[in-house]
N, C-alpha and C. Protein backbone atom coordinates (compact mmCIF):
# COMPACT_ATOMS: atom_id res chain seq x y z
N MET A 1 -8.46 -0.10 20.16
CA MET A 1 -8.18 0.38 19.04
C MET A 1 -9.71 0.71 18.79
N PRO A 2 -9.88 2.28 18.23
CA PRO A 2 -11.39 2.41 17.49
C PRO A 2 -11.62 2.20 16.47
N ALA A 3 -12.86 2.21 16.91
CA ALA A 3 -13.69 1.48 15.55
C ALA A 3 -13.58 2.59 14.39
N GLN A 4 -13.37 1.94 13.06
CA GLN A 4 -13.02 2.41 11.69
C GLN A 4 -14.09 3.54 11.05
N PRO A 5 -13.96 4.17 10.43
CA PRO A 5 -15.06 4.71 9.91
C PRO A 5 -15.62 3.54 8.79
N LEU A 6 -16.90 3.86 8.67
CA LEU A 6 -17.90 2.93 7.65
C LEU A 6 -17.14 2.86 6.41
N GLU A 7 -16.56 3.69 5.35
CA GLU A 7 -15.47 3.98 4.49
C GLU A 7 -14.46 2.97 4.56
N LEU A 8 -13.85 3.19 5.77
CA LEU A 8 -12.49 2.11 5.47
C LEU A 8 -12.96 0.84 5.75
N ILE A 9 -14.26 0.71 6.53
CA ILE A 9 -14.40 -0.89 6.63
C ILE A 9 -14.77 -1.26 4.95
N LEU A 10 -15.78 -0.56 4.84
CA LEU A 10 -15.95 -0.95 3.41
C LEU A 10 -15.05 -1.46 2.20
N ALA A 11 -13.86 -0.33 2.37
CA ALA A 11 -12.81 -0.21 1.38
C ALA A 11 -11.97 -1.87 1.94
N ARG A 12 -11.95 -1.84 3.34
CA ARG A 12 -11.07 -3.23 3.38
C ARG A 12 -11.88 -4.55 2.84
N GLN A 13 -13.15 -4.48 2.87
CA GLN A 13 -14.37 -5.59 2.54
C GLN A 13 -13.98 -5.37 1.00
N PHE A 14 -13.80 -4.42 0.20
CA PHE A 14 -13.83 -4.23 -1.01
C PHE A 14 -12.60 -4.86 -1.35
N GLY A 15 -11.52 -4.61 -0.63
CA GLY A 15 -9.86 -4.98 -1.12
C GLY A 15 -9.80 -6.34 -0.84
N ASP A 16 -10.39 -7.17 0.29
CA ASP A 16 -10.48 -8.41 0.39
C ASP A 16 -10.98 -9.40 -0.52
N SER A 17 -12.09 -8.24 -1.40
CA SER A 17 -12.75 -9.30 -2.68
C SER A 17 -12.13 -9.30 -3.87
N LEU A 18 -10.92 -8.57 -3.77
CA LEU A 18 -10.01 -8.17 -5.35
C LEU A 18 -8.94 -9.33 -5.66
N SER A 19 -9.15 -9.61 -6.85
CA SER A 19 -7.79 -10.58 -7.10
C SER A 19 -6.38 -9.92 -7.48
N LEU A 20 -6.52 -8.41 -7.28
CA LEU A 20 -5.05 -7.59 -7.71
C LEU A 20 -4.91 -7.06 -5.97
N PRO A 21 -3.24 -7.04 -5.89
CA PRO A 21 -3.00 -6.65 -4.95
C PRO A 21 -3.39 -5.55 -4.16
N MET A 22 -3.89 -5.29 -3.09
CA MET A 22 -3.94 -3.79 -2.49
C MET A 22 -3.68 -3.95 -0.88
N PHE A 23 -3.32 -2.55 -0.65
CA PHE A 23 -2.66 -2.26 0.53
C PHE A 23 -3.83 -0.85 0.76
N LEU A 24 -4.35 -1.01 2.39
CA LEU A 24 -4.98 0.20 2.80
C LEU A 24 -4.89 0.69 4.03
N VAL A 25 -4.66 1.95 4.25
CA VAL A 25 -3.73 2.98 5.29
C VAL A 25 -4.62 4.01 5.51
N ASP A 26 -4.54 4.42 6.81
CA ASP A 26 -5.57 5.37 7.68
C ASP A 26 -5.08 6.92 6.86
N PRO A 27 -5.09 7.89 7.55
CA PRO A 27 -4.77 9.36 7.27
C PRO A 27 -3.19 9.19 7.35
N ASP A 28 -2.99 8.92 8.74
CA ASP A 28 -1.60 8.66 9.20
C ASP A 28 -0.89 8.20 8.39
N GLY A 29 -0.89 6.99 7.90
CA GLY A 29 -0.30 6.07 7.04
C GLY A 29 -0.20 4.77 7.63
N ASN A 30 -0.85 4.69 8.66
CA ASN A 30 -1.15 3.34 9.31
C ASN A 30 -1.67 2.17 8.57
N LEU A 31 -0.79 1.28 8.15
CA LEU A 31 -1.07 -0.20 7.53
C LEU A 31 -2.28 -0.87 8.39
N LEU A 32 -3.59 -0.54 7.83
CA LEU A 32 -4.72 -1.05 8.40
C LEU A 32 -4.64 -2.28 7.76
N PHE A 33 -4.45 -3.16 6.68
CA PHE A 33 -4.88 -4.23 5.97
C PHE A 33 -4.16 -4.28 4.48
N TYR A 34 -3.79 -5.58 4.15
CA TYR A 34 -3.16 -5.85 2.61
C TYR A 34 -3.98 -6.95 2.64
N ASN A 35 -4.36 -7.50 1.02
CA ASN A 35 -5.06 -8.39 1.03
C ASN A 35 -4.59 -9.86 0.56
N GLU A 36 -5.08 -10.91 0.43
CA GLU A 36 -4.12 -12.22 0.03
C GLU A 36 -3.50 -11.90 -1.24
N PRO A 37 -3.70 -11.53 -2.47
CA PRO A 37 -2.84 -11.49 -3.54
C PRO A 37 -1.62 -10.54 -3.26
N ALA A 38 -1.78 -9.69 -2.01
CA ALA A 38 -0.30 -8.83 -1.66
C ALA A 38 0.29 -9.64 -0.65
N GLU A 39 -0.43 -10.58 -0.16
CA GLU A 39 0.56 -11.57 0.76
C GLU A 39 1.70 -12.31 -0.04
N SER A 40 1.38 -12.56 -1.28
CA SER A 40 2.63 -13.40 -2.16
C SER A 40 3.38 -12.42 -2.43
N ILE A 41 3.44 -10.94 -2.91
CA ILE A 41 4.00 -10.44 -2.89
C ILE A 41 5.11 -9.79 -1.46
N PHE A 42 4.52 -9.68 -0.71
CA PHE A 42 5.18 -9.49 0.63
C PHE A 42 5.80 -10.19 1.36
N GLY A 43 5.36 -11.52 1.02
CA GLY A 43 5.90 -12.71 1.82
C GLY A 43 5.33 -13.49 3.16
N LEU A 44 4.16 -12.85 3.91
CA LEU A 44 3.54 -12.82 4.66
C LEU A 44 2.25 -12.68 4.77
N LYS A 45 1.51 -13.34 5.37
CA LYS A 45 0.27 -13.35 5.36
C LYS A 45 -0.14 -11.67 6.43
N PHE A 46 -1.43 -11.03 5.99
CA PHE A 46 -1.53 -10.18 7.08
C PHE A 46 -1.46 -10.20 8.28
N ASN A 47 -2.45 -11.23 8.78
CA ASN A 47 -2.38 -11.33 10.38
C ASN A 47 -1.21 -11.56 10.71
N GLU A 48 0.06 -12.27 9.85
CA GLU A 48 1.59 -12.28 10.62
C GLU A 48 2.27 -10.88 10.68
N THR A 49 1.87 -10.24 10.01
CA THR A 49 2.40 -8.76 9.96
C THR A 49 1.78 -7.67 10.98
N GLY A 50 0.26 -7.90 10.70
CA GLY A 50 -0.55 -6.93 11.46
C GLY A 50 -0.33 -5.65 10.78
N GLY A 51 -0.73 -4.53 11.65
CA GLY A 51 -0.90 -3.16 11.13
C GLY A 51 0.81 -2.84 11.29
N MET A 52 1.03 -1.88 10.68
CA MET A 52 2.15 -1.21 10.58
C MET A 52 2.67 0.52 10.74
N ARG A 53 3.20 1.03 11.34
CA ARG A 53 3.19 2.28 10.92
C ARG A 53 3.92 2.75 9.83
N LEU A 54 3.79 4.18 9.10
CA LEU A 54 4.28 4.57 7.70
C LEU A 54 5.60 4.25 7.72
N GLU A 55 6.35 4.43 8.78
CA GLU A 55 7.47 4.78 8.81
C GLU A 55 8.51 2.93 8.78
N GLU A 56 7.32 1.87 9.03
CA GLU A 56 7.97 0.61 8.84
C GLU A 56 7.41 0.09 7.46
N TRP A 57 6.23 0.33 7.15
CA TRP A 57 5.76 -0.12 5.87
C TRP A 57 6.86 0.30 4.95
N ALA A 58 6.87 1.71 4.86
CA ALA A 58 7.68 2.45 3.52
C ALA A 58 9.13 2.15 3.40
N THR A 59 9.68 1.10 4.37
CA THR A 59 11.09 0.42 4.46
C THR A 59 11.18 -0.87 4.38
N ILE A 60 10.64 -1.59 5.20
CA ILE A 60 10.55 -3.05 5.33
C ILE A 60 10.52 -3.86 4.15
N PHE A 61 9.88 -3.47 3.05
CA PHE A 61 9.44 -4.04 1.65
C PHE A 61 11.08 -3.47 0.96
N LYS A 62 11.92 -2.87 1.34
CA LYS A 62 12.93 -2.18 0.67
C LYS A 62 12.66 -1.70 -0.83
N PRO A 63 11.98 -1.01 -0.81
CA PRO A 63 11.66 -0.28 -2.21
C PRO A 63 13.09 0.74 -3.01
N THR A 64 13.24 -0.09 -4.56
CA THR A 64 13.91 0.39 -5.02
C THR A 64 13.30 1.22 -6.39
N ASP A 65 14.46 2.22 -7.03
CA ASP A 65 14.00 2.44 -8.42
C ASP A 65 14.74 1.25 -9.55
N HIS A 66 14.53 1.60 -10.39
CA HIS A 66 14.94 0.70 -11.66
C HIS A 66 16.79 0.60 -11.62
N ALA A 67 17.29 1.48 -10.93
CA ALA A 67 18.56 1.54 -10.98
C ALA A 67 18.97 0.78 -9.64
N GLY A 68 18.31 0.54 -8.66
CA GLY A 68 18.45 -0.25 -7.47
C GLY A 68 18.84 0.71 -6.44
N ASN A 69 18.42 2.03 -6.81
CA ASN A 69 18.64 2.93 -5.43
C ASN A 69 17.76 3.02 -4.77
N PRO A 70 17.70 3.05 -3.48
CA PRO A 70 16.78 3.01 -2.71
C PRO A 70 15.65 4.18 -2.64
N LEU A 71 14.67 4.10 -2.54
CA LEU A 71 13.10 5.19 -2.49
C LEU A 71 13.16 5.43 -1.30
N ALA A 72 13.42 6.90 -0.95
CA ALA A 72 12.43 7.39 0.26
C ALA A 72 11.19 7.28 0.61
N PRO A 73 10.83 7.61 1.76
CA PRO A 73 8.95 7.05 1.48
C PRO A 73 8.01 8.29 1.15
N ASP A 74 9.07 9.52 1.00
CA ASP A 74 8.08 10.62 0.24
C ASP A 74 8.02 10.30 -1.19
N HIS A 75 8.98 9.45 -1.80
CA HIS A 75 9.00 9.18 -3.62
C HIS A 75 7.72 7.93 -3.73
N LEU A 76 7.26 7.01 -2.52
CA LEU A 76 6.62 6.09 -2.93
C LEU A 76 4.99 6.75 -3.35
N PRO A 77 4.13 6.02 -4.08
CA PRO A 77 3.07 6.48 -4.64
C PRO A 77 1.99 7.06 -3.38
N LEU A 78 1.68 6.12 -2.64
CA LEU A 78 1.00 5.57 -1.58
C LEU A 78 1.28 7.01 -0.77
N VAL A 79 2.50 7.41 -0.50
CA VAL A 79 2.62 8.60 0.75
C VAL A 79 2.41 9.56 -0.05
N LYS A 80 2.52 9.91 -1.30
CA LYS A 80 2.51 11.00 -2.11
C LYS A 80 0.85 11.21 -1.93
N THR A 81 0.15 10.17 -2.18
CA THR A 81 -1.39 10.53 -2.10
C THR A 81 -2.04 10.78 -0.38
N LEU A 82 -0.88 10.24 0.38
CA LEU A 82 -1.16 10.69 1.95
C LEU A 82 -0.88 12.30 2.24
N SER A 83 0.03 12.95 1.29
CA SER A 83 0.73 14.09 1.32
C SER A 83 -0.45 15.14 0.64
N SER A 84 -0.81 14.74 -0.46
CA SER A 84 -1.76 15.49 -1.57
C SER A 84 -2.96 15.44 -1.48
N LYS A 85 -3.45 14.19 -0.76
CA LYS A 85 -4.82 13.66 -1.24
C LYS A 85 -5.08 13.43 -2.72
N LEU A 86 -4.23 13.07 -3.45
CA LEU A 86 -4.77 13.21 -5.03
C LEU A 86 -4.14 11.40 -5.18
N PRO A 87 -4.44 11.11 -6.44
CA PRO A 87 -4.17 9.77 -6.96
C PRO A 87 -2.73 9.99 -7.61
N ALA A 88 -2.02 8.83 -7.22
CA ALA A 88 -0.69 8.78 -7.75
C ALA A 88 -0.13 7.40 -8.47
N ASN A 89 0.83 7.11 -8.93
CA ASN A 89 1.35 5.99 -9.64
C ASN A 89 2.67 6.25 -9.46
N GLY A 90 3.22 5.04 -9.84
CA GLY A 90 4.53 4.50 -10.03
C GLY A 90 5.11 2.97 -10.35
N GLU A 91 6.18 3.14 -10.60
CA GLU A 91 6.74 1.42 -10.72
C GLU A 91 7.86 1.34 -9.86
N PHE A 92 8.38 0.31 -9.23
CA PHE A 92 9.61 0.31 -8.78
C PHE A 92 9.12 -1.27 -7.92
N TYR A 93 10.69 -1.61 -7.52
CA TYR A 93 10.85 -2.90 -7.03
C TYR A 93 10.73 -2.95 -5.39
N VAL A 94 10.36 -3.96 -4.82
CA VAL A 94 10.37 -4.65 -3.45
C VAL A 94 10.77 -5.80 -3.35
N ASP A 95 11.22 -6.00 -2.10
CA ASP A 95 11.67 -7.08 -1.64
C ASP A 95 10.69 -7.99 -0.56
N SER A 96 10.24 -9.01 -0.77
CA SER A 96 9.54 -9.41 -0.10
C SER A 96 9.92 -9.71 1.44
N LEU A 97 9.47 -10.12 2.42
CA LEU A 97 10.03 -10.53 3.89
C LEU A 97 10.70 -11.87 3.68
N ILE A 98 10.54 -12.53 2.36
CA ILE A 98 11.42 -13.74 2.45
C ILE A 98 12.68 -13.89 1.28
N GLY A 99 12.88 -12.63 0.96
CA GLY A 99 13.71 -12.16 0.23
C GLY A 99 13.42 -12.52 -1.39
N VAL A 100 12.27 -12.26 -1.96
CA VAL A 100 12.15 -12.15 -3.19
C VAL A 100 11.90 -11.02 -3.77
N ARG A 101 12.50 -10.56 -4.78
CA ARG A 101 12.49 -8.92 -5.33
C ARG A 101 11.72 -8.82 -6.48
N THR A 102 10.92 -8.10 -6.38
CA THR A 102 9.83 -7.95 -7.52
C THR A 102 9.53 -6.48 -7.89
N LEU A 103 9.42 -6.64 -9.47
CA LEU A 103 8.86 -5.19 -9.71
C LEU A 103 7.36 -4.97 -9.80
N ILE A 104 6.99 -4.01 -9.31
CA ILE A 104 5.29 -3.57 -9.23
C ILE A 104 5.21 -2.22 -9.84
N SER A 105 3.77 -2.24 -10.60
CA SER A 105 3.45 -0.89 -10.82
C SER A 105 2.26 -0.71 -10.00
N VAL A 106 2.01 0.49 -9.22
CA VAL A 106 1.35 0.88 -8.14
C VAL A 106 0.43 2.18 -8.86
N SER A 107 -0.88 1.89 -8.07
CA SER A 107 -1.79 2.89 -8.65
C SER A 107 -2.26 3.66 -7.16
N THR A 108 -2.63 4.72 -6.58
CA THR A 108 -2.62 5.22 -5.36
C THR A 108 -4.38 5.94 -5.41
N PHE A 109 -5.14 5.63 -4.43
CA PHE A 109 -5.85 7.18 -4.67
C PHE A 109 -6.56 7.33 -3.35
N PRO A 110 -6.81 8.75 -2.81
CA PRO A 110 -7.10 8.74 -1.41
C PRO A 110 -8.79 8.62 -1.27
N ILE A 111 -9.02 8.10 0.04
CA ILE A 111 -10.67 7.36 0.36
C ILE A 111 -10.96 8.56 1.05
N MET A 112 -12.15 9.58 0.31
CA MET A 112 -12.59 10.77 0.71
C MET A 112 -14.22 10.43 1.30
N GLY A 113 -14.35 10.78 2.65
CA GLY A 113 -15.78 10.25 2.88
C GLY A 113 -16.92 11.19 2.37
N LYS A 114 -18.24 11.05 2.45
CA LYS A 114 -19.17 11.99 2.04
C LYS A 114 -18.95 13.41 2.24
N THR A 115 -18.82 13.58 3.21
CA THR A 115 -18.41 14.80 3.92
C THR A 115 -17.22 15.84 3.60
N LYS A 116 -16.54 14.81 2.72
CA LYS A 116 -15.13 15.20 1.75
C LYS A 116 -13.94 15.15 3.35
N ARG A 117 -14.26 14.36 4.16
CA ARG A 117 -13.23 13.92 5.13
C ARG A 117 -12.04 12.91 4.50
N PHE A 118 -11.11 13.16 4.67
CA PHE A 118 -9.96 12.27 4.42
C PHE A 118 -9.77 11.19 5.25
N LEU A 119 -10.00 9.96 4.92
CA LEU A 119 -10.10 8.77 5.72
C LEU A 119 -8.84 7.64 5.34
N GLY A 120 -8.28 8.23 4.35
CA GLY A 120 -7.04 7.34 4.34
C GLY A 120 -6.64 7.11 2.77
N ALA A 121 -6.11 5.83 2.33
CA ALA A 121 -5.80 6.09 1.14
C ALA A 121 -5.65 4.47 0.32
N MET A 122 -6.10 3.97 -0.57
CA MET A 122 -5.64 2.86 -0.91
C MET A 122 -4.49 2.42 -2.22
N ALA A 123 -3.52 1.57 -2.17
CA ALA A 123 -2.84 1.01 -3.34
C ALA A 123 -3.57 -0.08 -3.93
N ILE A 124 -3.35 -0.45 -5.25
CA ILE A 124 -3.58 -1.35 -5.91
C ILE A 124 -2.20 -1.46 -6.94
N PHE A 125 -1.99 -2.73 -6.96
CA PHE A 125 -0.73 -2.98 -7.48
C PHE A 125 -0.61 -4.40 -8.43
N LEU A 126 0.29 -4.21 -9.55
CA LEU A 126 0.65 -5.14 -10.05
C LEU A 126 1.87 -5.63 -10.72
N LYS A 127 2.09 -6.76 -10.29
CA LYS A 127 3.75 -7.39 -10.66
C LYS A 127 3.88 -6.80 -12.35
N SER A 128 5.23 -5.98 -12.47
CA SER A 128 5.18 -5.79 -13.82
C SER A 128 6.00 -6.79 -14.59
N GLN A 129 6.16 -6.37 -15.90
CA GLN A 129 7.34 -7.33 -16.64
C GLN A 129 8.42 -6.07 -17.08
N GLU A 130 9.52 -6.40 -17.14
CA GLU A 130 10.66 -5.68 -17.31
C GLU A 130 10.79 -5.37 -18.84
N LEU A 131 11.25 -4.37 -19.31
CA LEU A 131 11.21 -4.21 -20.81
C LEU A 131 12.52 -4.22 -21.11
């Protein structure tokens, strides 16, 4: 596995120190890391799932809208950020790998290096309360 850019190493370290759940991907959408608070929502520790390709993580947690309709990967905020290189946000349900459904509110942003090189994206999310 090639060495990661310093910005992604620091993003992972930053995310690991947060009490908020976070998810980190490279420019191709490959999952690089999710932190311990995210593990409680996803149902498994990162070292148990390891990295995943976009096609896998965008569907394995079964994201659905408020009406229960499955969300296509391109409707997920993190995938929108990967495509546009702009921040995005949204609210949807995910199913953990142990079958617990959770409503989450997600904010995503691109990770741009000093040379304006796109290095990936980060999602920070919270459990939402249904209205």
